[in-house]
N, C-alpha and C. Protein backbone atom coordinates (compact mmCIF):
# COMPACT_ATOMS: atom_id res chain seq x y z
N MET A 1 86.39 -129.18 135.89
CA MET A 1 87.03 -129.23 137.19
C MET A 1 87.88 -130.49 137.25
N ARG A 2 89.09 -130.36 137.75
CA ARG A 2 89.99 -131.51 137.90
C ARG A 2 89.80 -132.13 139.28
N VAL A 3 89.71 -133.46 139.30
CA VAL A 3 89.54 -134.21 140.54
C VAL A 3 90.69 -135.21 140.64
N HIS A 4 91.30 -135.28 141.81
CA HIS A 4 92.38 -136.24 142.05
C HIS A 4 91.80 -137.48 142.72
N ASP A 5 92.00 -138.64 142.10
CA ASP A 5 91.58 -139.91 142.68
C ASP A 5 92.70 -140.38 143.60
N PRO A 6 92.36 -140.90 144.81
CA PRO A 6 93.41 -141.34 145.74
C PRO A 6 94.30 -142.45 145.18
N ARG A 7 93.86 -143.10 144.10
CA ARG A 7 94.67 -144.16 143.50
C ARG A 7 95.78 -143.61 142.62
N GLY A 8 95.87 -142.28 142.52
CA GLY A 8 97.01 -141.68 141.86
C GLY A 8 96.78 -141.15 140.45
N PHE A 9 95.55 -140.87 140.08
CA PHE A 9 95.31 -140.26 138.77
C PHE A 9 94.28 -139.15 138.90
N GLU A 10 94.23 -138.32 137.88
CA GLU A 10 93.29 -137.20 137.85
C GLU A 10 92.37 -137.33 136.65
N PHE A 11 91.19 -136.74 136.77
CA PHE A 11 90.23 -136.70 135.67
C PHE A 11 89.42 -135.42 135.81
N GLU A 12 88.65 -135.12 134.79
CA GLU A 12 87.86 -133.89 134.81
C GLU A 12 86.38 -134.21 134.93
N ILE A 13 85.68 -133.37 135.68
CA ILE A 13 84.22 -133.43 135.77
C ILE A 13 83.67 -132.06 135.41
N THR A 14 82.40 -132.02 135.08
CA THR A 14 81.76 -130.76 134.72
C THR A 14 81.39 -129.98 135.99
N VAL A 15 81.14 -128.70 135.82
CA VAL A 15 80.70 -127.87 136.94
C VAL A 15 79.36 -128.35 137.49
N PRO A 16 78.37 -128.71 136.63
CA PRO A 16 77.12 -129.25 137.19
C PRO A 16 77.35 -130.52 138.02
N ASN A 17 78.31 -131.36 137.62
CA ASN A 17 78.61 -132.56 138.41
C ASN A 17 79.20 -132.17 139.76
N LEU A 18 80.08 -131.17 139.77
CA LEU A 18 80.67 -130.69 141.02
C LEU A 18 79.58 -130.16 141.95
N LEU A 19 78.66 -129.39 141.41
CA LEU A 19 77.56 -128.85 142.23
C LEU A 19 76.68 -129.97 142.78
N TYR A 20 76.45 -131.01 141.97
CA TYR A 20 75.67 -132.16 142.42
C TYR A 20 76.39 -132.87 143.58
N ILE A 21 77.70 -133.03 143.45
CA ILE A 21 78.48 -133.68 144.51
C ILE A 21 78.39 -132.86 145.80
N LEU A 22 78.57 -131.54 145.69
CA LEU A 22 78.52 -130.69 146.88
C LEU A 22 77.13 -130.66 147.50
N GLU A 23 76.12 -130.86 146.69
CA GLU A 23 74.74 -130.90 147.18
C GLU A 23 74.47 -132.17 147.99
N ASN A 24 75.20 -133.25 147.68
CA ASN A 24 74.91 -134.55 148.28
C ASN A 24 75.99 -135.09 149.21
N THR A 25 77.10 -134.37 149.37
CA THR A 25 78.17 -134.83 150.26
C THR A 25 78.78 -133.64 151.00
N SER A 26 79.75 -133.94 151.81
CA SER A 26 80.50 -132.90 152.52
C SER A 26 81.89 -132.80 151.90
N SER A 27 82.51 -131.67 152.08
CA SER A 27 83.91 -131.53 151.66
C SER A 27 84.70 -131.02 152.86
N ILE A 28 85.95 -131.43 152.90
CA ILE A 28 86.83 -131.03 153.99
C ILE A 28 87.92 -130.15 153.39
N LYS A 29 88.07 -128.95 153.93
CA LYS A 29 89.05 -127.99 153.40
C LYS A 29 90.44 -128.62 153.39
N GLY A 30 91.07 -128.60 152.23
CA GLY A 30 92.40 -129.15 152.09
C GLY A 30 92.46 -130.66 151.91
N LYS A 31 91.34 -131.35 152.10
CA LYS A 31 91.32 -132.82 151.99
C LYS A 31 90.49 -133.28 150.79
N GLY A 32 89.38 -132.60 150.51
CA GLY A 32 88.53 -132.99 149.39
C GLY A 32 87.15 -133.45 149.84
N PHE A 33 86.55 -134.26 149.01
CA PHE A 33 85.19 -134.74 149.28
C PHE A 33 85.21 -135.85 150.32
N LYS A 34 84.14 -135.92 151.09
CA LYS A 34 84.02 -136.95 152.11
C LYS A 34 82.96 -137.95 151.62
N GLY A 35 83.26 -139.23 151.69
CA GLY A 35 82.30 -140.25 151.31
C GLY A 35 82.83 -141.16 150.23
N GLU A 36 81.93 -142.04 149.77
CA GLU A 36 82.27 -142.99 148.71
C GLU A 36 81.62 -142.54 147.41
N PHE A 37 82.30 -142.81 146.31
CA PHE A 37 81.83 -142.38 145.00
C PHE A 37 81.98 -143.51 143.99
N VAL A 38 81.20 -143.46 142.94
CA VAL A 38 81.34 -144.38 141.81
C VAL A 38 81.45 -143.52 140.55
N TYR A 39 82.07 -144.09 139.54
CA TYR A 39 82.17 -143.41 138.26
C TYR A 39 80.98 -143.80 137.41
N GLY A 40 80.51 -142.86 136.60
CA GLY A 40 79.42 -143.12 135.69
C GLY A 40 79.57 -142.26 134.45
N TRP A 41 78.64 -142.42 133.55
CA TRP A 41 78.65 -141.64 132.31
C TRP A 41 77.32 -140.91 132.17
N ASP A 42 77.40 -139.67 131.74
CA ASP A 42 76.23 -138.89 131.37
C ASP A 42 76.48 -138.47 129.93
N GLY A 43 76.00 -139.29 129.00
CA GLY A 43 76.33 -139.07 127.59
C GLY A 43 77.80 -139.35 127.39
N LYS A 44 78.55 -138.35 126.96
CA LYS A 44 79.99 -138.51 126.74
C LYS A 44 80.81 -138.06 127.94
N ASP A 45 80.17 -137.50 128.95
CA ASP A 45 80.88 -136.95 130.11
C ASP A 45 81.01 -137.98 131.24
N LEU A 46 82.23 -138.07 131.78
CA LEU A 46 82.48 -138.87 132.96
C LEU A 46 81.91 -138.11 134.15
N VAL A 47 81.18 -138.80 135.01
CA VAL A 47 80.61 -138.15 136.19
C VAL A 47 81.02 -138.93 137.43
N LEU A 48 81.10 -138.23 138.53
CA LEU A 48 81.39 -138.82 139.82
C LEU A 48 80.10 -138.78 140.61
N ILE A 49 79.65 -139.95 141.07
CA ILE A 49 78.35 -140.05 141.74
C ILE A 49 78.56 -140.46 143.19
N PRO A 50 78.09 -139.64 144.14
CA PRO A 50 78.19 -140.01 145.55
C PRO A 50 77.24 -141.17 145.86
N THR A 51 77.72 -142.17 146.59
CA THR A 51 76.86 -143.32 146.89
C THR A 51 75.77 -142.98 147.90
N ASP A 52 75.86 -141.82 148.55
CA ASP A 52 74.81 -141.39 149.47
C ASP A 52 73.71 -140.59 148.77
N ALA A 53 73.90 -140.29 147.49
CA ALA A 53 72.92 -139.49 146.76
C ALA A 53 71.65 -140.31 146.50
N PRO A 54 70.49 -139.68 146.60
CA PRO A 54 69.23 -140.40 146.35
C PRO A 54 69.17 -141.00 144.93
N ASP A 55 69.72 -140.30 143.95
CA ASP A 55 69.72 -140.82 142.57
C ASP A 55 70.50 -142.12 142.48
N TYR A 56 71.64 -142.20 143.16
CA TYR A 56 72.45 -143.42 143.12
C TYR A 56 71.69 -144.57 143.74
N LYS A 57 71.06 -144.32 144.89
CA LYS A 57 70.31 -145.39 145.56
C LYS A 57 69.18 -145.90 144.68
N GLU A 58 68.50 -144.98 143.98
CA GLU A 58 67.41 -145.37 143.08
C GLU A 58 67.95 -146.19 141.90
N MET A 59 69.07 -145.74 141.31
CA MET A 59 69.67 -146.48 140.19
C MET A 59 70.12 -147.86 140.63
N LYS A 60 70.70 -147.96 141.81
CA LYS A 60 71.19 -149.24 142.30
C LYS A 60 70.02 -150.21 142.52
N GLN A 61 68.95 -149.72 143.13
CA GLN A 61 67.78 -150.56 143.36
C GLN A 61 67.18 -151.02 142.04
N PHE A 62 67.06 -150.13 141.07
CA PHE A 62 66.51 -150.49 139.77
C PHE A 62 67.38 -151.53 139.08
N ASN A 63 68.71 -151.36 139.12
CA ASN A 63 69.62 -152.33 138.50
C ASN A 63 69.53 -153.69 139.17
N GLU A 64 69.35 -153.72 140.47
CA GLU A 64 69.20 -155.00 141.17
C GLU A 64 67.95 -155.73 140.69
N ILE A 65 66.88 -155.00 140.48
CA ILE A 65 65.63 -155.60 140.00
C ILE A 65 65.80 -156.11 138.58
N VAL A 66 66.40 -155.28 137.71
CA VAL A 66 66.58 -155.66 136.31
C VAL A 66 67.47 -156.89 136.17
N HIS A 67 68.53 -156.97 136.98
CA HIS A 67 69.50 -158.05 136.84
C HIS A 67 69.20 -159.25 137.74
N ALA A 68 68.08 -159.24 138.44
CA ALA A 68 67.73 -160.35 139.33
C ALA A 68 67.19 -161.55 138.55
N ASN A 69 66.87 -161.36 137.27
CA ASN A 69 66.31 -162.43 136.43
C ASN A 69 65.00 -162.99 136.99
N ASP A 70 64.24 -162.16 137.67
CA ASP A 70 62.92 -162.54 138.14
C ASP A 70 61.92 -162.14 137.07
N TYR A 71 61.50 -163.11 136.31
CA TYR A 71 60.56 -162.84 135.24
C TYR A 71 59.17 -163.30 135.64
N ILE A 72 58.19 -162.55 135.19
CA ILE A 72 56.80 -162.92 135.43
C ILE A 72 56.34 -163.74 134.23
N LYS A 73 55.81 -164.89 134.51
CA LYS A 73 55.31 -165.75 133.44
C LYS A 73 53.93 -165.27 133.01
N ALA A 74 53.58 -165.53 131.79
CA ALA A 74 52.30 -165.06 131.24
C ALA A 74 51.13 -165.53 132.09
N LYS A 75 51.17 -166.75 132.59
CA LYS A 75 50.04 -167.26 133.38
C LYS A 75 49.93 -166.59 134.75
N GLU A 76 51.00 -165.88 135.18
CA GLU A 76 50.97 -165.18 136.46
C GLU A 76 50.41 -163.76 136.35
N LEU A 77 50.26 -163.24 135.12
CA LEU A 77 49.74 -161.89 134.92
C LEU A 77 48.26 -161.85 135.25
N LYS A 78 47.84 -160.76 135.86
CA LYS A 78 46.44 -160.60 136.25
C LYS A 78 45.79 -159.54 135.37
N PRO A 79 44.66 -159.86 134.77
CA PRO A 79 43.95 -158.88 133.94
C PRO A 79 43.59 -157.63 134.74
N GLY A 80 43.82 -156.48 134.14
CA GLY A 80 43.50 -155.22 134.78
C GLY A 80 44.60 -154.68 135.68
N ALA A 81 45.64 -155.48 135.95
CA ALA A 81 46.74 -155.04 136.81
C ALA A 81 47.68 -154.13 136.02
N THR A 82 48.41 -153.32 136.74
CA THR A 82 49.39 -152.43 136.12
C THR A 82 50.78 -152.95 136.43
N TYR A 83 51.63 -152.99 135.41
CA TYR A 83 52.99 -153.47 135.55
C TYR A 83 53.96 -152.41 135.04
N LEU A 84 55.16 -152.40 135.60
CA LEU A 84 56.20 -151.50 135.11
C LEU A 84 57.13 -152.26 134.18
N THR A 85 57.47 -151.63 133.06
CA THR A 85 58.44 -152.22 132.15
C THR A 85 59.83 -151.91 132.68
N LYS A 86 60.85 -152.50 132.06
CA LYS A 86 62.21 -152.20 132.51
C LYS A 86 62.59 -150.76 132.24
N ASP A 87 61.82 -150.06 131.39
CA ASP A 87 62.03 -148.64 131.13
C ASP A 87 61.23 -147.76 132.08
N LYS A 88 60.68 -148.37 133.11
CA LYS A 88 59.87 -147.70 134.14
C LYS A 88 58.60 -147.07 133.58
N GLN A 89 58.08 -147.63 132.52
CA GLN A 89 56.82 -147.16 131.97
C GLN A 89 55.69 -148.06 132.48
N ARG A 90 54.57 -147.43 132.79
CA ARG A 90 53.43 -148.22 133.27
C ARG A 90 52.70 -148.83 132.09
N GLY A 91 52.30 -150.04 132.27
CA GLY A 91 51.53 -150.72 131.24
C GLY A 91 50.53 -151.63 131.91
N GLY A 92 49.34 -151.60 131.43
CA GLY A 92 48.31 -152.48 131.97
C GLY A 92 47.95 -153.54 130.97
N LEU A 93 47.46 -154.64 131.47
CA LEU A 93 47.00 -155.70 130.60
C LEU A 93 45.52 -155.52 130.34
N PRO A 94 45.11 -155.52 129.11
CA PRO A 94 43.68 -155.42 128.84
C PRO A 94 42.99 -156.72 129.26
N LEU A 95 41.78 -156.59 129.63
CA LEU A 95 40.99 -157.76 130.01
C LEU A 95 40.53 -158.44 128.74
N LEU A 96 41.02 -159.63 128.52
CA LEU A 96 40.66 -160.39 127.32
C LEU A 96 39.62 -161.43 127.70
N ILE A 97 38.55 -161.45 126.93
CA ILE A 97 37.48 -162.43 127.20
C ILE A 97 37.34 -163.35 126.01
């Protein structure tokens, strides 16, 4: 599907991307999509992501956490607690005696 950017250029998106956009935004007949969008990549495909989409909000929040440079020092870790890695995997610390 061809999409016209208001800045004066066109690009192509996939049909699944178009369906995702329509699922998360409104469109105005003769005008196009309503809302704000960001460009992203899904593998080799350029995708248009609505900023109101739940996936975008989750990605933005995760990126803010990753890039905040808030690191937990080893002495701050609590035995038996569960922590999330930057890959969103759960990991617990074994209790060492």
